[in-house]
Amino acid sequence: MAKFQMARPKPELPPAAEIRALADPQGRLALRVTPGARSERIELGEGVLLVKVRAKPDEGAANKAVLELLAQVLGTAPSRLSLLRGANARDKLIQLG
């Protein structure tokens, strides 16, 4: 008998305009990241974007997952986003491209 896996639910993503509204005038966006989460999601917080990714914080895997998820919701390529601060911390600063 074959085992069937349930498909992962799509991440909960707010509209791109609401995310861009949190950026400062220089196009920098503050994030609070939770790596190793059960599901991927982005939530709007008080002046900060709360990002949860399934990837573990191992050799940059969570940072890469954050940039990919953020790029997906913003409708841009991950290469257009850059991590300015927080490579080894939960609080990060991203430059939007």
Foldseek 3Di string as FASTA:
>chain_A
DDDDDDDADDEAEDALVVQQVLADPQQKAKEQEAELDPHWYWDDDDSHIYTYYNHDLDPQPRVQRVLCVNCVRNVHDSVQKDWDDDSPHRITMIHGD
